[in-house]
Amino acid sequence: MKASFSYENSYRLPEGYEFFGDGMNLEGNPLVASEKSKNFNLSLSYRLNIKPAHKIILDAGLLYRRAKDFIRQEVGELNSKIINEAAIEVTGFDADILYEYKNFLHLSLNGTWQNVISLAKFDKDGNRVLSYLTKVPNIPTLFGNANISVQHSKIICSHDQLSVGYRFAFFEEYFLKWEIYGRRDTKLRIPRQTSHAAYITYSLKNGRYNISAECNNISDAQLYDNFRLQKPGRAFYIKLRYFISKP
């Protein structure tokens, strides 16, 4: 078992696109200020090797963060804009589990929970704001994914390898705008989402030649990004890859 603790006093300067926008969906904001934060992290790691073939790795982390002038993207009617949130507090937890059996089976699971709360009591005019101690919008609270894959060598010849895998992703529902304003049952939300993907890859000459096929969003579910723009439905991809020089 290994444990580590870290503290960070950080500053984040706005990116160029946050100042000037992208000319399409994001408005520019030349008044956006630098973000200042104090971050505390506690990490735990445990590794177990069960001879001769099993390996298990467990990683977990706790996060506590306080930030001033937190930079975030606020969604408008037609486009969005980068703004500063006066003060926020973040508490979070994440965990990862990795299991491997020889060089044949790989299984990974990870999940994250985070609670981002506004600490701004008053606006610039000194008026009390209703969003004090409520969740900052457009930031997911709970999400995770899983991946399982198997691979085997010498399928047809001595230098080939076949890999087959499956991926699963999950996002819990969260609000697009402040949940405190207006009727809760009519608020815009990013809905709960689950997605599935499968892939297969065949390689030759120890990875120099590769062909892979993938299917994303197998169930053709309605998926959205964090601005409620719908993502593509079920999609199929084929990729050919060749390494000119490979040791």
Protein backbone atom coordinates (compact mmCIF):
# COMPACT_ATOMS: atom_id res chain seq x y z
CA MET A 1 0.00 0.00 0.00
CA LYS A 2 1.32 3.43 -0.96
CA ALA A 3 -0.09 6.78 0.12
CA SER A 4 0.79 10.28 -1.04
CA PHE A 5 -0.41 13.76 -0.22
CA SER A 6 0.07 16.92 -2.24
CA TYR A 7 -0.80 20.60 -1.97
CA GLU A 8 -0.84 23.00 -4.88
CA ASN A 9 -1.28 26.77 -5.02
CA SER A 10 -2.00 27.33 -8.68
CA TYR A 11 -2.90 30.02 -11.19
CA ARG A 12 -4.55 29.37 -14.52
CA LEU A 13 -4.37 31.96 -17.27
CA PRO A 14 -7.26 32.05 -19.76
CA GLU A 15 -6.61 30.38 -23.09
CA GLY A 16 -6.69 32.36 -26.32
CA TYR A 17 -10.06 30.99 -27.39
CA GLU A 18 -11.48 31.92 -23.96
CA PHE A 19 -10.46 35.53 -24.56
CA PHE A 20 -11.48 35.80 -28.21
CA GLY A 21 -14.06 33.05 -28.73
CA ASP A 22 -14.13 30.63 -31.66
CA GLY A 23 -16.10 32.82 -34.10
CA MET A 24 -19.04 30.45 -34.07
CA ASN A 25 -20.44 28.95 -30.86
CA LEU A 26 -18.30 30.65 -28.22
CA GLU A 27 -18.35 34.39 -27.57
CA GLY A 28 -15.13 36.12 -26.65
CA ASN A 29 -14.67 37.71 -23.23
CA PRO A 30 -11.55 39.91 -22.94
CA LEU A 31 -12.44 40.66 -19.30
CA VAL A 32 -12.09 37.09 -18.05
CA ALA A 33 -9.60 36.99 -15.15
CA SER A 34 -7.00 34.43 -14.16
CA GLU A 35 -8.15 31.60 -11.93
CA LYS A 36 -6.49 31.11 -8.52
CA SER A 37 -6.90 27.89 -6.56
CA LYS A 38 -5.59 25.90 -3.60
CA ASN A 39 -5.72 22.15 -4.16
CA PHE A 40 -5.31 19.27 -1.70
CA ASN A 41 -4.95 15.69 -2.94
CA LEU A 42 -4.68 12.37 -1.09
CA SER A 43 -3.87 9.28 -3.15
CA LEU A 44 -3.82 5.61 -2.17
CA SER A 45 -2.43 2.81 -4.32
CA TYR A 46 -2.37 -0.95 -3.79
CA ARG A 47 -0.76 -3.53 -6.08
CA LEU A 48 -1.17 -7.27 -5.78
CA ASN A 49 0.61 -9.87 -7.89
CA ILE A 50 -0.76 -13.38 -7.59
CA LYS A 51 1.79 -15.62 -9.23
CA PRO A 52 2.12 -16.76 -11.84
CA ALA A 53 -0.44 -14.88 -13.90
CA HIS A 54 -2.69 -12.44 -12.03
CA LYS A 55 -2.15 -8.76 -11.33
CA ILE A 56 -4.51 -6.37 -9.53
CA ILE A 57 -3.98 -2.62 -9.16
CA LEU A 58 -6.25 -0.45 -6.99
CA ASP A 59 -5.94 3.35 -7.01
CA ALA A 60 -8.11 5.84 -5.14
CA GLY A 61 -7.91 9.57 -4.57
CA LEU A 62 -9.56 12.30 -2.52
CA LEU A 63 -9.65 15.90 -3.74
CA TYR A 64 -10.44 19.16 -2.02
CA ARG A 65 -10.16 22.46 -3.88
CA ARG A 66 -10.99 26.12 -3.32
CA ALA A 67 -10.81 28.50 -6.25
CA LYS A 68 -11.38 32.19 -6.88
CA ASP A 69 -12.40 33.53 -10.29
CA PHE A 70 -13.09 29.98 -11.40
CA ILE A 71 -13.15 29.89 -15.20
CA ARG A 72 -16.17 28.13 -16.64
CA GLN A 73 -18.32 28.15 -19.76
CA GLU A 74 -21.85 29.50 -19.38
CA VAL A 75 -24.48 28.43 -21.87
CA GLY A 76 -26.69 31.10 -23.45
CA GLU A 77 -29.67 30.91 -25.77
CA LEU A 78 -27.69 30.63 -29.02
CA ASN A 79 -24.08 30.29 -27.92
CA SER A 80 -21.90 30.21 -24.81
CA LYS A 81 -19.40 32.46 -23.09
CA ILE A 82 -16.43 32.09 -20.76
CA ILE A 83 -17.02 33.73 -17.37
CA ASN A 84 -15.49 33.84 -13.90
CA GLU A 85 -17.30 32.29 -10.95
CA ALA A 86 -16.29 34.38 -7.92
CA ALA A 87 -15.54 31.46 -5.58
CA ILE A 88 -16.10 27.71 -5.62
CA GLU A 89 -15.40 24.66 -3.47
CA VAL A 90 -14.79 21.19 -4.90
CA THR A 91 -14.82 17.91 -3.02
CA GLY A 92 -14.26 14.75 -4.99
CA PHE A 93 -13.35 11.08 -5.02
CA ASP A 94 -12.13 8.81 -7.78
CA ALA A 95 -11.18 5.14 -7.95
CA ASP A 96 -9.57 2.86 -10.53
CA ILE A 97 -9.36 -0.92 -10.61
CA LEU A 98 -7.17 -2.81 -13.08
CA TYR A 99 -7.02 -6.57 -13.42
CA GLU A 100 -4.74 -8.45 -15.81
CA TYR A 101 -4.42 -12.15 -16.51
CA LYS A 102 -1.11 -12.92 -18.20
CA ASN A 103 -1.04 -10.98 -21.47
CA PHE A 104 -4.48 -12.27 -22.38
CA LEU A 105 -7.21 -10.51 -20.37
CA HIS A 106 -7.33 -6.84 -19.34
CA LEU A 107 -10.18 -5.40 -17.26
CA SER A 108 -10.37 -1.81 -16.00
CA LEU A 109 -13.04 0.10 -14.07
CA ASN A 110 -12.97 3.71 -12.96
CA GLY A 111 -15.41 6.17 -11.48
CA THR A 112 -15.43 9.79 -10.33
CA TRP A 113 -17.71 11.73 -8.02
CA GLN A 114 -17.29 15.49 -7.62
CA ASN A 115 -19.34 18.17 -5.91
CA VAL A 116 -18.69 21.71 -7.20
CA ILE A 117 -20.35 24.30 -4.97
CA SER A 118 -20.58 28.09 -5.37
CA LEU A 119 -19.20 30.06 -2.40
CA ALA A 120 -20.18 33.48 -3.77
CA LYS A 121 -22.52 35.15 -1.24
CA PHE A 122 -22.86 38.53 -2.95
CA ASP A 123 -22.69 39.87 -6.50
CA LYS A 124 -20.60 42.85 -7.62
CA ASP A 125 -23.32 45.26 -6.43
CA GLY A 126 -23.39 43.76 -2.94
CA ASN A 127 -26.68 41.91 -3.39
CA ARG A 128 -27.04 38.45 -1.92
CA VAL A 129 -27.16 35.72 -4.58
CA LEU A 130 -29.49 32.73 -4.38
CA SER A 131 -26.91 30.36 -5.86
CA TYR A 132 -24.75 30.47 -2.70
CA LEU A 133 -23.93 26.89 -1.60
CA THR A 134 -25.62 25.34 -4.65
CA LYS A 135 -24.02 23.24 -7.37
CA VAL A 136 -22.27 25.04 -10.21
CA PRO A 137 -24.14 24.14 -13.43
CA ASN A 138 -22.95 22.31 -16.52
CA ILE A 139 -20.43 20.17 -14.60
CA PRO A 140 -21.08 16.41 -14.23
CA THR A 141 -21.22 15.05 -10.67
CA LEU A 142 -20.92 11.29 -11.23
CA PHE A 143 -19.36 9.48 -14.19
CA GLY A 144 -17.28 6.41 -14.97
CA ASN A 145 -16.33 3.85 -17.55
CA ALA A 146 -15.25 0.24 -17.96
CA ASN A 147 -13.11 -1.53 -20.50
CA ILE A 148 -12.49 -5.22 -21.09
CA SER A 149 -10.25 -6.69 -23.76
CA VAL A 150 -8.66 -9.99 -24.69
CA GLN A 151 -5.73 -10.53 -26.98
CA HIS A 152 -4.03 -13.57 -28.40
CA SER A 153 -0.95 -14.06 -30.54
CA LYS A 154 -0.06 -16.55 -33.26
CA ILE A 155 -3.55 -16.77 -34.71
CA ILE A 156 -2.45 -17.44 -38.29
CA CYS A 157 1.30 -16.93 -38.18
CA SER A 158 4.04 -16.48 -35.57
CA HIS A 159 4.09 -12.66 -35.63
CA ASP A 160 0.40 -11.71 -35.56
CA GLN A 161 -1.96 -10.68 -32.76
CA LEU A 162 -5.74 -10.37 -32.44
CA SER A 163 -7.41 -8.05 -29.89
CA VAL A 164 -11.12 -7.83 -29.11
CA GLY A 165 -12.56 -5.31 -26.67
CA TYR A 166 -15.65 -3.65 -25.22
CA ARG A 167 -16.08 -0.19 -23.62
CA PHE A 168 -18.86 1.17 -21.45
CA ALA A 169 -19.35 4.78 -20.29
CA PHE A 170 -21.80 6.32 -17.84
CA PHE A 171 -22.74 9.92 -16.95
CA GLU A 172 -25.33 10.77 -14.33
CA GLU A 173 -27.86 13.51 -15.07
CA TYR A 174 -26.90 17.10 -14.23
CA PHE A 175 -28.31 20.59 -14.77
CA LEU A 176 -27.34 22.75 -17.71
CA LYS A 177 -28.03 25.99 -15.78
CA TRP A 178 -28.42 26.99 -12.13
CA GLU A 179 -30.88 24.62 -10.46
CA ILE A 180 -31.91 27.24 -7.86
CA TYR A 181 -33.57 29.57 -10.38
CA GLY A 182 -36.99 28.78 -11.81
CA ARG A 183 -39.06 25.64 -11.47
CA ARG A 184 -36.96 22.54 -10.94
CA ASP A 185 -39.20 20.32 -13.05
CA THR A 186 -38.76 22.56 -16.11
CA LYS A 187 -34.98 23.04 -15.84
CA LEU A 188 -32.80 22.06 -18.80
CA ARG A 189 -30.70 19.03 -17.98
CA ILE A 190 -28.03 16.88 -19.53
CA PRO A 191 -29.81 13.50 -19.20
CA ARG A 192 -28.32 10.33 -17.76
CA GLN A 193 -26.28 8.63 -20.45
CA THR A 194 -24.85 5.19 -21.07
CA SER A 195 -22.89 4.23 -24.14
CA HIS A 196 -21.40 1.00 -25.46
CA ALA A 197 -18.61 0.40 -27.96
CA ALA A 198 -16.83 -2.68 -29.32
CA TYR A 199 -13.66 -3.04 -31.35
CA ILE A 200 -11.40 -5.63 -32.95
CA THR A 201 -7.80 -5.21 -34.09
CA TYR A 202 -5.56 -7.55 -36.06
CA SER A 203 -1.85 -6.83 -36.43
CA LEU A 204 1.05 -8.40 -38.29
CA LYS A 205 4.84 -8.20 -38.11
CA ASN A 206 4.72 -7.44 -34.36
CA GLY A 207 2.45 -4.42 -34.84
CA ARG A 208 3.87 -2.92 -38.04
CA TYR A 209 0.68 -3.61 -40.04
CA ASN A 210 -2.68 -3.04 -38.32
CA ILE A 211 -6.32 -3.20 -39.31
CA SER A 212 -9.07 -2.38 -36.84
CA ALA A 213 -12.85 -2.11 -36.87
CA GLU A 214 -14.94 -0.31 -34.26
CA CYS A 215 -18.60 0.32 -33.52
CA ASN A 216 -19.43 3.30 -31.28
CA ASN A 217 -22.77 3.80 -29.54
CA ILE A 218 -23.91 0.24 -30.27
CA SER A 219 -27.39 0.82 -28.83
CA ASP A 220 -27.86 4.01 -30.90
CA ALA A 221 -28.72 5.92 -27.71
CA GLN A 222 -29.30 9.69 -27.62
CA LEU A 223 -26.04 11.09 -26.25
CA TYR A 224 -25.17 14.72 -25.56
CA ASP A 225 -22.11 16.79 -24.76
CA ASN A 226 -22.13 19.20 -21.81
CA PHE A 227 -23.85 21.92 -23.86
CA ARG A 228 -26.75 19.59 -24.75
CA LEU A 229 -25.61 19.25 -28.35
CA GLN A 230 -26.49 15.78 -29.56
CA LYS A 231 -23.59 13.47 -30.41
CA PRO A 232 -23.62 11.10 -33.42
CA GLY A 233 -25.66 7.92 -33.20
CA ARG A 234 -24.40 4.44 -33.98
CA ALA A 235 -21.26 4.65 -36.08
CA PHE A 236 -18.83 2.20 -37.66
CA TYR A 237 -15.15 2.81 -38.36
CA ILE A 238 -12.37 0.93 -40.10
CA LYS A 239 -8.76 2.00 -39.68
CA LEU A 240 -5.61 0.86 -41.48
CA ARG A 241 -2.28 1.71 -39.89
CA TYR A 242 1.28 1.09 -41.03
CA PHE A 243 4.49 1.94 -39.18
CA ILE A 244 7.31 2.92 -41.55
CA SER A 245 9.87 2.17 -38.88
CA LYS A 246 9.18 -0.02 -35.87
CA PRO A 247 11.83 -1.62 -33.64
